Structures are given as C-alpha cells and as structure tokens.
C-alpha cells in the first residue's frame, strides 16, 4: 500500500505533527509492505530542522522523523518552503531530502491513501 502524509504544521504548538508521525510509525510497523511517504510543506519544513529547542518533557519530532527515514519512509521537504523561511543554511534531519511540487504531484498521483496534517 502506498501512503502519503502531507504535513503543513509547525513541529510544536499542537499535537498534529506528533500524531502524524505516530501514525506513520504505526503504519510502518503494522501494515506489511506499506510504502510511507511524508511531504513537509509550509511550516511543516521546520520539522526537518534538527535540534529544536522544545518544551520540557515534550516529544522530539526530529528524532521521530529520523527514525521513520531509517526504517524506510521517504521524506521530502518542500524546497520553496525552505527558501521562503530562510532555512537554506540549515542542515536537515538525516534521511530528509529536498523536494518540489513536481514530486508532490507524482506522489499524490501514486498514493492509495493521502492524509493531510
């Protein structure tokens, strides 16, 4: 099964990102042969920046993203969104690549399930 998660939210402030990454992790673990793709769009690109100063005791979305990538998830961060937020000089979480609307369009056309967070 080909599953696409599109994440627009910033990493902290709500639980949407955390829930998206928890769902992606559960899908990897529970759905045999699932192809998990995550496209970070708008403020969602901040998820791909390692070393967030996060609220005490809070989950670490960077670690969650790296774990998903290490387990085979394909993760792209919108290059235009990165540029618009002045993040060009930033390193990205290991396993996250830059992507464009062309890749998102292709992933959307190929997906059997699409979820937007």
N, C-alpha and C. Protein backbone atom coordinates (compact mmCIF):
# COMPACT_ATOMS: atom_id res chain seq x y z
N UNK A 1 0.85 -1.18 0.00
CA UNK A 1 0.00 0.00 0.00
C UNK A 1 0.89 1.24 0.00
N UNK A 2 0.57 2.19 -0.82
CA UNK A 2 1.31 3.44 -0.96
C UNK A 2 0.56 4.54 -0.22
N UNK A 3 1.18 5.06 0.87
CA UNK A 3 0.51 6.01 1.75
C UNK A 3 1.30 7.32 1.79
N UNK A 4 0.61 8.42 1.56
CA UNK A 4 1.23 9.75 1.57
C UNK A 4 0.65 10.56 2.72
N UNK A 5 1.56 11.11 3.54
CA UNK A 5 1.18 12.05 4.59
C UNK A 5 1.77 13.40 4.23
N UNK A 6 0.92 14.41 4.16
CA UNK A 6 1.36 15.78 3.88
C UNK A 6 1.24 16.55 5.19
N UNK A 7 2.37 17.11 5.63
CA UNK A 7 2.39 17.79 6.92
C UNK A 7 2.67 19.28 6.70
N UNK A 8 1.71 20.11 7.10
CA UNK A 8 1.79 21.57 6.94
C UNK A 8 2.10 22.30 8.24
N UNK A 9 1.94 21.64 9.36
CA UNK A 9 2.03 22.29 10.68
C UNK A 9 3.47 22.45 11.15
N UNK A 10 3.70 23.45 11.98
CA UNK A 10 5.00 23.60 12.63
C UNK A 10 5.13 22.49 13.68
N UNK A 11 6.36 22.17 14.07
CA UNK A 11 6.58 20.98 14.90
C UNK A 11 5.94 21.00 16.28
N UNK A 12 5.83 22.16 16.89
CA UNK A 12 5.30 22.22 18.26
C UNK A 12 4.21 23.29 18.32
N UNK A 13 3.37 23.21 19.31
CA UNK A 13 2.28 24.16 19.46
C UNK A 13 0.94 23.47 19.38
N UNK A 14 0.90 22.37 18.66
CA UNK A 14 -0.27 21.50 18.65
C UNK A 14 0.26 20.07 18.56
N UNK A 15 -0.61 19.11 18.62
CA UNK A 15 -0.19 17.72 18.56
C UNK A 15 -0.35 17.13 17.16
N UNK A 16 -0.68 17.94 16.17
CA UNK A 16 -0.92 17.41 14.82
C UNK A 16 0.31 16.73 14.23
N UNK A 17 1.47 17.35 14.34
CA UNK A 17 2.70 16.75 13.80
C UNK A 17 3.03 15.47 14.54
N UNK A 18 2.97 15.54 15.85
CA UNK A 18 3.25 14.36 16.67
C UNK A 18 2.33 13.21 16.26
N UNK A 19 1.05 13.50 16.10
CA UNK A 19 0.10 12.46 15.70
C UNK A 19 0.36 11.95 14.29
N UNK A 20 0.74 12.83 13.38
CA UNK A 20 1.09 12.39 12.02
C UNK A 20 2.26 11.42 12.04
N UNK A 21 3.29 11.75 12.81
CA UNK A 21 4.47 10.90 12.87
C UNK A 21 4.20 9.61 13.64
N UNK A 22 3.36 9.68 14.65
CA UNK A 22 2.95 8.46 15.36
C UNK A 22 2.19 7.54 14.43
N UNK A 23 1.29 8.10 13.62
CA UNK A 23 0.53 7.30 12.67
C UNK A 23 1.46 6.69 11.62
N UNK A 24 2.39 7.47 11.09
CA UNK A 24 3.34 6.95 10.10
C UNK A 24 4.14 5.79 10.69
N UNK A 25 4.56 5.92 11.93
CA UNK A 25 5.32 4.85 12.60
C UNK A 25 4.46 3.60 12.76
N UNK A 26 3.22 3.77 13.19
CA UNK A 26 2.32 2.63 13.35
C UNK A 26 2.04 1.96 12.01
N UNK A 27 1.88 2.74 10.96
CA UNK A 27 1.65 2.17 9.63
C UNK A 27 2.86 1.35 9.19
N UNK A 28 4.06 1.87 9.43
CA UNK A 28 5.27 1.11 9.09
C UNK A 28 5.30 -0.22 9.81
N UNK A 29 4.92 -0.21 11.07
CA UNK A 29 5.01 -1.40 11.89
C UNK A 29 3.88 -2.39 11.66
N UNK A 30 2.70 -1.89 11.34
CA UNK A 30 1.52 -2.75 11.30
C UNK A 30 1.03 -3.14 9.91
N UNK A 31 1.42 -2.42 8.89
CA UNK A 31 0.92 -2.71 7.53
C UNK A 31 2.08 -3.27 6.72
N UNK A 32 2.07 -4.56 6.54
CA UNK A 32 3.15 -5.23 5.81
C UNK A 32 3.27 -4.65 4.40
N UNK A 33 4.49 -4.29 4.04
CA UNK A 33 4.74 -3.78 2.70
C UNK A 33 4.29 -2.35 2.45
N UNK A 34 3.88 -1.65 3.49
CA UNK A 34 3.43 -0.26 3.31
C UNK A 34 4.60 0.61 2.86
N UNK A 35 4.35 1.43 1.88
CA UNK A 35 5.32 2.42 1.42
C UNK A 35 4.86 3.76 1.98
N UNK A 36 5.62 4.26 2.95
CA UNK A 36 5.26 5.50 3.64
C UNK A 36 6.05 6.65 3.02
N UNK A 37 5.33 7.66 2.59
CA UNK A 37 5.94 8.88 2.06
C UNK A 37 5.40 10.06 2.86
N UNK A 38 6.32 10.95 3.24
CA UNK A 38 5.95 12.14 4.01
C UNK A 38 6.48 13.36 3.27
N UNK A 39 5.58 14.29 2.97
CA UNK A 39 5.98 15.54 2.32
C UNK A 39 5.74 16.67 3.29
N UNK A 40 6.81 17.39 3.61
CA UNK A 40 6.75 18.52 4.54
C UNK A 40 6.53 19.80 3.74
N UNK A 41 5.46 20.49 4.03
CA UNK A 41 5.02 21.65 3.26
C UNK A 41 4.77 22.81 4.22
N UNK A 42 4.88 24.03 3.75
CA UNK A 42 4.63 25.22 4.57
C UNK A 42 5.48 25.16 5.84
N UNK A 43 4.87 25.44 7.01
CA UNK A 43 5.63 25.41 8.26
C UNK A 43 6.05 24.00 8.66
N UNK A 44 5.55 23.00 7.96
CA UNK A 44 5.97 21.63 8.21
C UNK A 44 7.44 21.40 7.94
N UNK A 45 8.08 22.26 7.14
CA UNK A 45 9.51 22.08 6.87
C UNK A 45 10.35 22.27 8.13
N UNK A 46 9.83 23.00 9.11
CA UNK A 46 10.57 23.17 10.36
C UNK A 46 10.79 21.84 11.08
N UNK A 47 9.96 20.85 10.80
CA UNK A 47 10.13 19.53 11.40
C UNK A 47 11.47 18.93 11.00
N UNK A 48 11.94 19.25 9.81
CA UNK A 48 13.17 18.67 9.28
C UNK A 48 14.44 19.33 9.82
N UNK A 49 14.29 20.35 10.64
CA UNK A 49 15.45 21.02 11.24
C UNK A 49 15.78 20.30 12.54
N UNK A 50 17.00 19.76 12.66
CA UNK A 50 17.35 19.06 13.91
C UNK A 50 17.57 20.06 15.05
N UNK A 51 17.63 19.56 16.22
CA UNK A 51 17.99 20.35 17.39
C UNK A 51 17.03 21.49 17.70
N UNK A 52 15.76 21.18 17.78
CA UNK A 52 14.79 22.18 18.21
C UNK A 52 14.94 22.43 19.70
N UNK A 53 14.72 23.68 20.08
CA UNK A 53 14.50 23.95 21.50
C UNK A 53 13.02 23.65 21.71
N UNK A 54 12.75 22.63 22.47
CA UNK A 54 11.37 22.19 22.62
C UNK A 54 10.94 22.25 24.06
N UNK A 55 9.64 22.27 24.29
CA UNK A 55 9.15 22.32 25.66
C UNK A 55 9.67 21.14 26.49
N UNK A 56 9.97 21.41 27.74
CA UNK A 56 10.47 20.37 28.63
C UNK A 56 9.53 19.17 28.67
N UNK A 57 10.10 18.00 28.50
CA UNK A 57 9.32 16.76 28.54
C UNK A 57 8.55 16.47 27.27
N UNK A 58 8.72 17.32 26.26
CA UNK A 58 7.99 17.16 25.01
C UNK A 58 8.65 16.10 24.12
N UNK A 59 7.86 15.51 23.27
CA UNK A 59 8.35 14.57 22.26
C UNK A 59 9.34 15.28 21.35
N UNK A 60 10.19 14.52 20.67
CA UNK A 60 11.19 15.09 19.77
C UNK A 60 10.83 14.68 18.34
N UNK A 61 10.23 15.59 17.58
CA UNK A 61 9.80 15.26 16.23
C UNK A 61 10.98 14.99 15.30
N UNK A 62 12.11 15.62 15.54
CA UNK A 62 13.30 15.36 14.73
C UNK A 62 13.75 13.92 14.85
N UNK A 63 13.77 13.41 16.08
CA UNK A 63 14.13 12.01 16.30
C UNK A 63 13.10 11.08 15.67
N UNK A 64 11.84 11.43 15.79
CA UNK A 64 10.79 10.60 15.19
C UNK A 64 10.95 10.55 13.67
N UNK A 65 11.23 11.70 13.05
CA UNK A 65 11.41 11.77 11.61
C UNK A 65 12.62 10.96 11.18
N UNK A 66 13.73 11.09 11.90
CA UNK A 66 14.94 10.33 11.57
C UNK A 66 14.69 8.83 11.69
N UNK A 67 13.94 8.43 12.69
CA UNK A 67 13.62 7.01 12.88
C UNK A 67 12.76 6.49 11.73
N UNK A 68 11.79 7.28 11.30
CA UNK A 68 10.96 6.89 10.16
C UNK A 68 11.80 6.73 8.90
N UNK A 69 12.70 7.68 8.67
CA UNK A 69 13.57 7.61 7.49
C UNK A 69 14.47 6.38 7.56
N UNK A 70 15.03 6.11 8.73
CA UNK A 70 15.91 4.95 8.89
C UNK A 70 15.16 3.64 8.68
N UNK A 71 13.85 3.67 8.91
CA UNK A 71 13.01 2.48 8.73
C UNK A 71 12.43 2.39 7.32
N UNK A 72 12.84 3.29 6.44
CA UNK A 72 12.42 3.18 5.05
C UNK A 72 11.42 4.19 4.53
N UNK A 73 10.92 5.08 5.38
CA UNK A 73 9.99 6.11 4.89
C UNK A 73 10.75 7.07 3.98
N UNK A 74 10.07 7.51 2.94
CA UNK A 74 10.63 8.52 2.05
C UNK A 74 10.11 9.87 2.53
N UNK A 75 11.03 10.81 2.75
CA UNK A 75 10.63 12.10 3.31
C UNK A 75 11.23 13.22 2.48
N UNK A 76 10.36 14.10 2.01
CA UNK A 76 10.79 15.29 1.26
C UNK A 76 10.31 16.54 1.97
N UNK A 77 11.16 17.56 1.95
CA UNK A 77 10.81 18.88 2.47
C UNK A 77 10.74 19.83 1.29
N UNK A 78 9.68 20.58 1.18
CA UNK A 78 9.45 21.50 0.07
C UNK A 78 10.59 22.52 -0.03
N UNK A 79 11.29 22.50 -1.15
CA UNK A 79 12.43 23.39 -1.35
C UNK A 79 12.00 24.85 -1.37
N UNK A 80 10.86 25.15 -1.94
CA UNK A 80 10.36 26.53 -1.97
C UNK A 80 10.01 27.00 -0.57
N UNK A 81 9.41 26.13 0.23
CA UNK A 81 9.05 26.49 1.61
C UNK A 81 10.31 26.70 2.45
N UNK A 82 11.32 25.88 2.23
CA UNK A 82 12.62 26.04 2.92
C UNK A 82 13.18 27.43 2.58
N UNK A 83 13.16 27.77 1.29
CA UNK A 83 13.68 29.05 0.83
C UNK A 83 12.89 30.21 1.42
N UNK A 84 11.57 30.13 1.41
CA UNK A 84 10.72 31.21 1.91
C UNK A 84 10.93 31.48 3.40
N UNK A 85 11.42 30.48 4.12
CA UNK A 85 11.62 30.64 5.56
C UNK A 85 13.08 30.89 5.91
N UNK A 86 13.93 31.09 4.91
CA UNK A 86 15.33 31.41 5.15
C UNK A 86 16.13 30.28 5.76
N UNK A 87 15.76 29.05 5.45
CA UNK A 87 16.40 27.89 6.08
C UNK A 87 17.46 27.23 5.20
N UNK A 88 17.90 27.91 4.15
CA UNK A 88 18.86 27.30 3.23
C UNK A 88 20.13 26.81 3.92
N UNK A 89 20.62 27.54 4.89
CA UNK A 89 21.88 27.17 5.54
C UNK A 89 21.68 26.06 6.57
N UNK A 90 20.48 25.67 6.82
CA UNK A 90 20.19 24.67 7.86
C UNK A 90 20.47 23.26 7.36
N UNK A 91 20.99 22.45 8.26
CA UNK A 91 21.08 21.03 7.98
C UNK A 91 19.70 20.44 8.20
N UNK A 92 19.42 19.37 7.49
CA UNK A 92 18.14 18.69 7.68
C UNK A 92 18.36 17.40 8.45
N UNK A 93 17.31 16.93 9.09
CA UNK A 93 17.34 15.65 9.77
C UNK A 93 17.80 14.60 8.77
N UNK A 94 18.64 13.68 9.24
CA UNK A 94 19.17 12.64 8.35
C UNK A 94 18.03 11.86 7.69
N UNK A 95 18.12 11.70 6.40
CA UNK A 95 17.11 10.97 5.65
C UNK A 95 16.08 11.86 4.97
N UNK A 96 16.07 13.15 5.27
CA UNK A 96 15.14 14.08 4.65
C UNK A 96 15.83 14.73 3.45
N UNK A 97 15.15 14.71 2.32
CA UNK A 97 15.66 15.31 1.09
C UNK A 97 14.80 16.51 0.71
N UNK A 98 15.33 17.35 -0.16
CA UNK A 98 14.54 18.47 -0.68
C UNK A 98 13.67 17.97 -1.82
N UNK A 99 12.45 18.50 -1.89
CA UNK A 99 11.51 18.11 -2.94
C UNK A 99 10.75 19.31 -3.45
N UNK A 100 10.01 19.10 -4.52
CA UNK A 100 9.27 20.17 -5.16
C UNK A 100 7.81 19.76 -5.36
N UNK A 101 7.03 20.67 -5.89
CA UNK A 101 5.64 20.37 -6.20
C UNK A 101 5.53 19.27 -7.26
N UNK A 102 6.54 19.15 -8.09
CA UNK A 102 6.54 18.08 -9.09
C UNK A 102 6.56 16.73 -8.40
N UNK A 103 7.44 16.57 -7.39
CA UNK A 103 7.48 15.31 -6.64
C UNK A 103 6.19 15.09 -5.86
N UNK A 104 5.68 16.16 -5.25
CA UNK A 104 4.43 16.02 -4.51
C UNK A 104 3.30 15.61 -5.45
N UNK A 105 3.26 16.18 -6.63
CA UNK A 105 2.23 15.80 -7.61
C UNK A 105 2.36 14.33 -7.98
N UNK A 106 3.59 13.88 -8.19
CA UNK A 106 3.83 12.48 -8.56
C UNK A 106 3.42 11.56 -7.40
N UNK A 107 3.85 11.93 -6.19
CA UNK A 107 3.49 11.10 -5.03
C UNK A 107 1.99 11.06 -4.83
N UNK A 108 1.31 12.19 -5.06
CA UNK A 108 -0.14 12.24 -4.90
C UNK A 108 -0.82 11.32 -5.91
N UNK A 109 -0.36 11.36 -7.15
CA UNK A 109 -0.95 10.51 -8.19
C UNK A 109 -0.73 9.03 -7.91
N UNK A 110 0.37 8.69 -7.26
CA UNK A 110 0.70 7.30 -6.99
C UNK A 110 0.10 6.77 -5.68
N UNK A 111 -0.35 7.65 -4.82
CA UNK A 111 -0.81 7.23 -3.48
C UNK A 111 -2.17 6.55 -3.53
N UNK A 112 -2.29 5.55 -2.67
CA UNK A 112 -3.59 4.89 -2.49
C UNK A 112 -4.35 5.55 -1.33
N UNK A 113 -3.62 6.11 -0.40
CA UNK A 113 -4.20 6.83 0.73
C UNK A 113 -3.41 8.12 0.92
N UNK A 114 -4.13 9.22 1.16
CA UNK A 114 -3.49 10.52 1.39
C UNK A 114 -4.10 11.11 2.65
N UNK A 115 -3.21 11.54 3.57
CA UNK A 115 -3.67 12.19 4.79
C UNK A 115 -2.94 13.51 4.91
N UNK A 116 -3.66 14.55 5.30
CA UNK A 116 -3.07 15.88 5.42
C UNK A 116 -3.17 16.33 6.88
N UNK A 117 -2.05 16.76 7.40
CA UNK A 117 -1.97 17.22 8.78
C UNK A 117 -1.50 18.65 8.81
